[in-house]
Amino acid sequence: MLIMNKADQPARDTTENPEDRGRGPYDPRAEAADDLWFLPTVDDEAEPDFLLPGPRAAQRPLFDPAEWRAAQDRLSGPLAELAVAFGALDERLRAGPEGWRHRLALMEVADLGWWTGERIGAERLALWLGTRIGATGEDAQALARAGWAVRRLSGGPGPGDGGWERGLGAFLGRVESFGDGATETVSDLAEIMDGAGGLHPVTAAAVLFHAWRMLGEGPAQDTEAAAMAARYGARMARPGQGGALFLPLALTGPGGLRATGAMPERLSRWIAGATQATLAALLHLDRIRDWQAGALSATRDLSGRTPARLIEALSAWPMLSAPMAEELTGASRAAVQRNLDTLTARGLVREVTGQGRYRVWGASV
């Protein structure tokens, strides 16, 4: 057996590699890592997958335009009935005074509050919009949201006018949030609505309503969704000024706004609810028209223009206070009070507060 002395053994290179400092025998950077076949391969650029192994369903769009179109085709009869009723409402508003649209917007938002949980009557909402009175600390924000909805249903551009980035920001009053660049929420909504471009406006409004309820944020989410859908559904109106600006949705209850059941069932309820609300709007305008004609006939013996202006203001607002009537008619406070008392004595208007001060009047419809 050959035994070598230490002096005869070859010298070992003891120079330390700086890259090897702190490495253990199982360090993945070591050369031995190539032999650790039992360790899983780690890809630093791959997205982590937290789903359980097994077969997975194919991905599908959240709002498939083909499904909505198929449901729309099956509901062509009810959709045609709604189109006829809305066309009649559009023509009625074109032939009536400007205040009728404002009155319907007040009623729509007030009835919408029974669905959102912010139950504010049309009379109280009218007083707050006209004089900014009636708000308390508990419901000041609810009144502000309701006032926003009335303004959006009464005028201004629609939610999709000028593109979804600019149009939605202008409609919601948040241009600073959406103007410089589309947020992820707006981009998602724009993608959904671009796919729904070939649908009927009523069907596309239903898509917009349910999509914003899923994408929107904040306490005004449901109110915003209903206002956006109501304005978008009115795109089936005849072009021109003075017609219907929104599709009524809640005047007979929130049945069409409930997001339960399968998609065809939701669309069926949506069309039925809008049809009933549109018919209710037509009937209410008939009553206001008859009251206005009767009131004008019953006040022909009164001198001045204040009685006629008061009747016009009461046809646009469910409730009027003396300061509101003074501003709307341009008459003096004394003339307003005198004519309101005369109309009350003739049974044309009613005083609803029963107080000596801060009195409020409404049409005896």
Protein backbone atom coordinates (compact mmCIF):
# COMPACT_ATOMS: atom_id res chain seq x y z
CA MET A 1 0.00 0.00 0.00
CA LEU A 2 1.51 3.25 -1.12
CA ILE A 3 1.47 5.92 1.53
CA MET A 4 2.27 9.45 0.51
CA ASN A 5 3.64 12.04 2.81
CA LYS A 6 1.82 15.34 3.21
CA ALA A 7 4.68 17.03 1.48
CA ASP A 8 4.23 14.74 -1.54
CA GLN A 9 0.44 15.32 -1.80
CA PRO A 10 -0.77 17.89 -4.36
CA ALA A 11 -1.62 21.26 -2.87
CA ARG A 12 -5.38 22.01 -2.54
CA ASP A 13 -6.71 25.31 -3.78
CA THR A 14 -8.07 27.03 -0.70
CA THR A 15 -8.97 30.27 -2.44
CA GLU A 16 -12.58 31.15 -1.48
CA ASN A 17 -14.98 32.10 -4.23
CA PRO A 18 -16.95 35.19 -3.12
CA GLU A 19 -20.11 33.88 -4.83
CA ASP A 20 -19.97 30.73 -2.65
CA ARG A 21 -20.13 32.59 0.65
CA GLY A 22 -23.21 31.69 2.73
CA ARG A 23 -24.24 28.80 0.47
CA GLY A 24 -25.34 25.58 2.05
CA PRO A 25 -25.37 22.15 0.49
CA TYR A 26 -29.03 22.55 -0.61
CA ASP A 27 -28.79 26.10 -1.90
CA PRO A 28 -30.64 26.22 -5.26
CA ARG A 29 -27.81 28.29 -6.70
CA ALA A 30 -25.25 25.62 -6.02
CA GLU A 31 -24.16 23.18 -8.66
CA ALA A 32 -25.77 20.43 -6.61
CA ALA A 33 -29.18 21.94 -7.37
CA ASP A 34 -29.08 20.31 -10.78
CA ASP A 35 -29.19 16.92 -9.10
CA LEU A 36 -32.21 17.75 -6.84
CA TRP A 37 -34.73 16.26 -9.25
CA PHE A 38 -37.35 15.87 -6.53
CA LEU A 39 -37.79 19.64 -6.02
CA PRO A 40 -40.46 21.44 -8.14
CA THR A 41 -39.26 23.83 -10.78
CA VAL A 42 -39.81 27.45 -9.79
CA ASP A 43 -40.68 29.99 -12.47
CA ASP A 44 -40.30 33.49 -11.08
CA GLU A 45 -42.32 35.05 -13.94
CA ALA A 46 -45.32 32.68 -13.76
CA GLU A 47 -48.51 33.73 -11.98
CA PRO A 48 -49.35 31.66 -8.89
CA ASP A 49 -52.17 29.18 -9.39
CA PHE A 50 -54.22 28.67 -6.25
CA LEU A 51 -57.00 26.60 -7.87
CA LEU A 52 -57.43 22.94 -7.08
CA PRO A 53 -56.25 20.50 -9.71
CA GLY A 54 -58.83 18.95 -12.00
CA PRO A 55 -60.98 19.84 -14.98
CA ARG A 56 -62.05 23.45 -15.28
CA ALA A 57 -64.95 25.07 -17.09
CA ALA A 58 -64.18 27.17 -20.12
CA GLN A 59 -64.00 30.90 -19.45
CA ARG A 60 -66.94 32.93 -20.71
CA PRO A 61 -67.74 36.66 -20.69
CA LEU A 62 -69.62 37.98 -17.68
CA PHE A 63 -72.28 39.54 -19.94
CA ASP A 64 -72.51 37.47 -23.11
CA PRO A 65 -74.22 39.56 -25.83
CA ALA A 66 -75.35 36.38 -27.62
CA GLU A 67 -77.32 35.22 -24.57
CA TRP A 68 -78.93 38.62 -24.10
CA ARG A 69 -79.82 38.75 -27.80
CA ALA A 70 -81.39 35.30 -27.65
CA ALA A 71 -83.46 36.32 -24.62
CA GLN A 72 -84.41 39.55 -26.34
CA ASP A 73 -85.65 37.65 -29.39
CA ARG A 74 -87.88 35.46 -27.21
CA LEU A 75 -89.32 38.61 -25.59
CA SER A 76 -89.97 40.49 -28.82
CA GLY A 77 -93.70 40.80 -28.07
CA PRO A 78 -93.37 42.44 -24.62
CA LEU A 79 -90.51 44.56 -25.95
CA ALA A 80 -92.75 45.86 -28.75
CA GLU A 81 -95.48 46.71 -26.23
CA LEU A 82 -92.98 48.69 -24.19
CA ALA A 83 -91.77 50.52 -27.29
CA VAL A 84 -95.35 51.53 -28.15
CA ALA A 85 -96.05 52.78 -24.62
CA PHE A 86 -92.78 54.69 -24.46
CA GLY A 87 -93.46 56.23 -27.86
CA ALA A 88 -96.80 57.51 -26.54
CA LEU A 89 -95.04 58.94 -23.48
CA ASP A 90 -92.47 60.62 -25.69
CA GLU A 91 -95.16 62.28 -27.80
CA ARG A 92 -97.14 63.31 -24.70
CA LEU A 93 -94.11 65.06 -23.25
CA ARG A 94 -93.37 66.83 -26.54
CA ALA A 95 -96.89 68.24 -26.58
CA GLY A 96 -96.89 69.21 -22.89
CA PRO A 97 -95.07 71.86 -20.87
CA GLU A 98 -91.43 71.53 -19.93
CA GLY A 99 -92.31 71.02 -16.27
CA TRP A 100 -93.85 67.61 -16.90
CA ARG A 101 -90.45 65.99 -17.40
CA HIS A 102 -89.27 67.49 -14.12
CA ARG A 103 -92.34 66.18 -12.31
CA LEU A 104 -91.85 62.65 -13.65
CA ALA A 105 -88.17 62.74 -12.66
CA LEU A 106 -89.14 63.68 -9.10
CA MET A 107 -91.66 60.87 -8.91
CA GLU A 108 -89.25 58.33 -10.42
CA VAL A 109 -86.46 59.12 -7.95
CA ALA A 110 -88.86 59.14 -5.00
CA ASP A 111 -90.18 55.68 -5.91
CA LEU A 112 -86.63 54.50 -6.58
CA GLY A 113 -85.84 55.24 -2.94
CA TRP A 114 -88.11 52.39 -1.85
CA TRP A 115 -85.70 50.03 -3.60
CA THR A 116 -82.44 51.64 -2.44
CA GLY A 117 -83.69 52.03 1.12
CA GLU A 118 -83.57 55.84 1.09
CA ARG A 119 -87.29 56.51 1.35
CA ILE A 120 -87.72 60.17 0.52
CA GLY A 121 -91.14 61.30 -0.67
CA ALA A 122 -91.59 63.36 -3.81
CA GLU A 123 -92.97 66.27 -1.77
CA ARG A 124 -89.98 66.41 0.54
CA LEU A 125 -87.56 65.97 -2.33
CA ALA A 126 -89.23 68.82 -4.21
CA LEU A 127 -88.91 71.13 -1.21
CA TRP A 128 -85.25 70.26 -0.78
CA LEU A 129 -84.49 70.85 -4.45
CA GLY A 130 -86.39 74.13 -4.50
CA THR A 131 -85.38 75.66 -1.17
CA ARG A 132 -82.74 73.31 0.32
CA ILE A 133 -84.85 72.80 3.42
CA GLY A 134 -85.89 69.57 5.11
CA ALA A 135 -82.47 67.89 5.33
CA THR A 136 -81.22 66.58 8.66
CA GLY A 137 -77.88 65.17 9.63
CA GLU A 138 -79.12 61.62 9.17
CA ASP A 139 -80.42 61.87 5.63
CA ALA A 140 -78.57 64.85 4.15
CA GLN A 141 -76.45 62.56 1.97
CA ALA A 142 -79.51 60.60 0.85
CA LEU A 143 -81.23 63.83 -0.21
CA ALA A 144 -78.09 64.90 -2.06
CA ARG A 145 -78.01 61.61 -3.97
CA ALA A 146 -81.71 61.89 -4.79
CA GLY A 147 -81.22 65.46 -5.99
CA TRP A 148 -78.37 64.31 -8.22
CA ALA A 149 -80.62 61.64 -9.75
CA VAL A 150 -83.41 64.16 -10.44
CA ARG A 151 -81.00 66.48 -12.23
CA ARG A 152 -79.59 63.64 -14.35
CA LEU A 153 -83.07 62.45 -15.33
CA SER A 154 -84.23 65.98 -16.13
CA GLY A 155 -81.46 67.08 -18.49
CA GLY A 156 -77.85 66.97 -19.51
CA PRO A 157 -75.89 64.41 -21.55
CA GLY A 158 -76.44 60.69 -21.23
CA PRO A 159 -73.94 58.27 -19.66
CA GLY A 160 -72.45 57.10 -22.96
CA ASP A 161 -72.47 60.38 -24.88
CA GLY A 162 -69.02 61.28 -26.16
CA GLY A 163 -67.45 57.94 -25.26
CA TRP A 164 -67.63 56.03 -22.03
CA GLU A 165 -64.54 57.59 -20.46
CA ARG A 166 -65.64 61.21 -20.90
CA GLY A 167 -69.37 60.54 -21.02
CA LEU A 168 -69.51 58.52 -17.83
CA GLY A 169 -67.36 61.01 -15.95
CA ALA A 170 -69.62 63.89 -17.01
CA PHE A 171 -72.78 61.98 -16.14
CA LEU A 172 -71.57 60.96 -12.69
CA GLY A 173 -70.03 64.36 -12.01
CA ARG A 174 -66.55 62.90 -11.65
CA VAL A 175 -64.72 64.16 -14.74
CA GLU A 176 -61.54 64.52 -12.70
CA SER A 177 -61.62 60.78 -12.03
CA PHE A 178 -62.31 59.58 -15.58
CA GLY A 179 -61.18 62.44 -17.81
CA ASP A 180 -57.41 61.96 -17.98
CA GLY A 181 -57.50 58.22 -18.46
CA ALA A 182 -59.90 55.33 -18.20
CA THR A 183 -59.85 53.54 -14.89
CA GLU A 184 -60.15 49.80 -14.78
CA THR A 185 -63.83 50.09 -13.81
CA VAL A 186 -64.65 52.34 -16.77
CA SER A 187 -62.61 50.17 -19.13
CA ASP A 188 -64.53 47.08 -18.02
CA LEU A 189 -67.86 48.86 -18.44
CA ALA A 190 -66.86 50.18 -21.87
CA GLU A 191 -65.94 46.67 -22.97
CA ILE A 192 -69.28 45.32 -21.80
CA MET A 193 -71.30 48.08 -23.45
CA ASP A 194 -69.35 47.84 -26.70
CA GLY A 195 -70.40 44.19 -26.85
CA ALA A 196 -74.01 45.21 -26.18
CA GLY A 197 -74.02 47.77 -28.98
CA GLY A 198 -76.19 45.63 -31.27
CA LEU A 199 -78.92 45.09 -28.66
CA HIS A 200 -82.17 47.00 -28.33
CA PRO A 201 -81.76 50.11 -26.12
CA VAL A 202 -84.01 48.58 -23.45
CA THR A 203 -81.95 45.38 -23.36
CA ALA A 204 -78.68 47.32 -23.40
CA ALA A 205 -80.01 49.44 -20.51
CA ALA A 206 -80.60 46.26 -18.51
CA VAL A 207 -77.02 45.17 -19.22
CA LEU A 208 -75.76 48.59 -18.12
CA PHE A 209 -77.82 48.46 -14.93
CA HIS A 210 -76.59 45.05 -13.80
CA ALA A 211 -73.01 45.74 -14.92
CA TRP A 212 -72.68 48.96 -12.94
CA ARG A 213 -74.15 47.34 -9.85
CA MET A 214 -71.26 44.88 -10.05
CA LEU A 215 -68.54 47.36 -11.05
CA GLY A 216 -69.53 50.55 -9.24
CA GLU A 217 -68.58 51.51 -5.73
CA GLY A 218 -69.94 53.65 -2.93
CA PRO A 219 -73.36 54.26 -1.37
CA ALA A 220 -74.73 55.80 -4.60
CA GLN A 221 -73.97 52.70 -6.67
CA ASP A 222 -77.58 51.51 -7.02
CA THR A 223 -78.94 55.00 -7.64
CA GLU A 224 -76.28 55.60 -10.28
CA ALA A 225 -77.05 52.28 -11.97
CA ALA A 226 -80.79 53.04 -12.17
CA ALA A 227 -80.25 56.61 -13.44
CA MET A 228 -77.75 55.47 -16.06
CA ALA A 229 -80.03 52.69 -17.28
CA ALA A 230 -83.09 54.97 -17.38
CA ARG A 231 -81.27 57.52 -19.53
CA TYR A 232 -79.76 54.87 -21.79
CA GLY A 233 -83.12 53.15 -22.33
CA ALA A 234 -84.59 56.43 -23.61
CA ARG A 235 -82.43 56.17 -26.73
CA MET A 236 -85.40 54.60 -28.48
CA ALA A 237 -87.20 57.97 -28.31
CA ARG A 238 -87.76 59.95 -31.48
CA PRO A 239 -84.88 62.39 -32.13
CA GLY A 240 -85.59 65.98 -31.29
CA GLN A 241 -86.08 68.30 -28.37
CA GLY A 242 -88.76 68.14 -25.72
CA GLY A 243 -89.41 64.40 -25.61
CA ALA A 244 -88.80 61.75 -22.99
CA LEU A 245 -85.32 61.88 -21.50
CA PHE A 246 -85.52 58.70 -19.45
CA LEU A 247 -87.27 55.36 -19.43
CA PRO A 248 -89.43 55.01 -16.28
CA LEU A 249 -88.37 52.01 -14.21
CA ALA A 250 -89.70 52.39 -10.66
CA LEU A 251 -93.03 54.27 -10.79
CA THR A 252 -94.97 51.08 -10.03
CA GLY A 253 -92.42 49.42 -7.77
CA PRO A 254 -88.91 48.00 -8.08
CA GLY A 255 -89.93 44.62 -9.53
CA GLY A 256 -87.85 45.05 -12.66
CA LEU A 257 -84.75 46.08 -10.69
CA ARG A 258 -84.33 42.91 -8.70
CA ALA A 259 -81.22 40.96 -9.68
CA THR A 260 -82.46 37.46 -8.94
CA GLY A 261 -82.98 34.47 -11.18
CA ALA A 262 -81.44 33.58 -14.52
CA MET A 263 -80.66 36.19 -17.14
CA PRO A 264 -83.80 35.60 -19.30
CA GLU A 265 -85.94 35.97 -16.17
CA ARG A 266 -84.20 39.22 -15.26
CA LEU A 267 -84.76 40.66 -18.71
CA SER A 268 -88.42 39.61 -18.67
CA ARG A 269 -88.96 41.36 -15.32
CA TRP A 270 -87.03 44.38 -16.58
CA ILE A 271 -89.28 44.82 -19.62
CA ALA A 272 -92.47 44.19 -17.64
CA GLY A 273 -91.47 46.65 -14.91
CA ALA A 274 -90.55 49.34 -17.44
CA THR A 275 -93.84 48.83 -19.29
CA GLN A 276 -95.92 49.21 -16.12
CA ALA A 277 -93.92 52.29 -15.05
CA THR A 278 -94.34 53.89 -18.48
CA LEU A 279 -98.10 53.31 -18.42
CA ALA A 280 -98.25 54.78 -14.91
CA ALA A 281 -96.41 57.86 -16.16
CA LEU A 282 -98.92 58.24 -18.99
CA LEU A 283 -101.87 58.02 -16.61
CA HIS A 284 -100.32 60.56 -14.24
CA LEU A 285 -99.72 63.00 -17.08
CA ASP A 286 -103.35 62.58 -18.13
CA ARG A 287 -104.48 63.56 -14.64
CA ILE A 288 -102.12 66.54 -14.53
CA ARG A 289 -103.28 67.66 -17.98
CA ASP A 290 -106.94 67.46 -16.97
CA TRP A 291 -106.25 69.29 -13.70
CA GLN A 292 -104.29 72.01 -15.45
CA ALA A 293 -107.02 72.55 -18.05
CA GLY A 294 -109.71 72.64 -15.36
CA ALA A 295 -107.72 75.02 -13.17
CA LEU A 296 -107.10 77.43 -16.04
CA SER A 297 -110.78 77.36 -16.90
CA ALA A 298 -111.78 77.97 -13.29
CA THR A 299 -109.49 81.00 -12.93
CA ARG A 300 -110.41 82.91 -16.06
CA ASP A 301 -112.10 85.55 -13.96
CA LEU A 302 -108.91 86.30 -12.04
CA SER A 303 -106.80 89.20 -13.25
CA GLY A 304 -103.06 89.16 -13.82
CA ARG A 305 -100.65 86.46 -14.94
CA THR A 306 -99.87 85.06 -11.49
CA PRO A 307 -102.73 82.47 -11.37
CA ALA A 308 -101.70 80.91 -14.68
CA ARG A 309 -98.05 80.87 -13.68
CA LEU A 310 -98.90 79.27 -10.35
CA ILE A 311 -100.90 76.56 -12.10
CA GLU A 312 -97.97 75.88 -14.43
CA ALA A 313 -95.55 75.69 -11.49
CA LEU A 314 -97.85 73.30 -9.61
CA SER A 315 -98.01 71.05 -12.66
CA ALA A 316 -94.21 70.76 -12.63
CA TRP A 317 -93.66 70.44 -8.86
CA PRO A 318 -95.61 68.10 -6.57
CA MET A 319 -95.28 70.62 -3.73
CA LEU A 320 -94.63 74.36 -3.61
CA SER A 321 -93.75 76.68 -0.77
CA ALA A 322 -94.36 80.41 -0.98
CA PRO A 323 -90.68 81.24 -1.61
CA MET A 324 -90.53 78.61 -4.37
CA ALA A 325 -93.70 79.97 -5.97
CA GLU A 326 -92.34 83.49 -5.75
CA GLU A 327 -89.16 82.47 -7.57
CA LEU A 328 -90.90 80.36 -10.23
CA THR A 329 -93.61 82.90 -11.07
CA GLY A 330 -91.64 86.11 -10.69
CA ALA A 331 -94.51 87.59 -8.66
CA SER A 332 -94.30 89.29 -5.31
CA ARG A 333 -94.77 87.38 -2.06
CA ALA A 334 -98.08 89.14 -1.42
CA ALA A 335 -99.44 88.27 -4.87
CA VAL A 336 -98.35 84.64 -4.49
CA GLN A 337 -99.98 84.28 -1.07
CA ARG A 338 -103.20 85.93 -2.22
CA ASN A 339 -103.54 83.74 -5.33
CA LEU A 340 -102.64 80.54 -3.48
CA ASP A 341 -105.36 81.27 -0.94
CA THR A 342 -107.82 81.86 -3.78
CA LEU A 343 -106.89 78.61 -5.53
CA THR A 344 -107.22 76.77 -2.22
CA ALA A 345 -110.66 78.24 -1.58
CA ARG A 346 -111.78 77.07 -5.03
CA GLY A 347 -110.54 73.54 -4.39
CA LEU A 348 -107.85 73.63 -7.06
CA VAL A 349 -104.88 73.29 -4.68
CA ARG A 350 -104.52 71.95 -1.17
CA GLU A 351 -102.43 73.15 1.72
CA VAL A 352 -100.67 70.08 3.12
CA THR A 353 -98.89 71.30 6.26
CA GLY A 354 -101.82 72.67 8.26
CA GLN A 355 -99.61 75.34 9.80
CA GLY A 356 -99.75 79.08 9.97
CA ARG A 357 -96.14 79.44 8.88
CA TYR A 358 -93.95 77.55 6.40
CA ARG A 359 -96.99 76.39 4.48
CA VAL A 360 -96.76 74.11 1.44
CA TRP A 361 -99.29 73.63 -1.37
CA GLY A 362 -99.90 70.92 -3.96
CA ALA A 363 -102.29 70.43 -6.85
CA SER A 364 -105.58 68.70 -6.02
CA VAL A 365 -105.03 65.88 -8.52
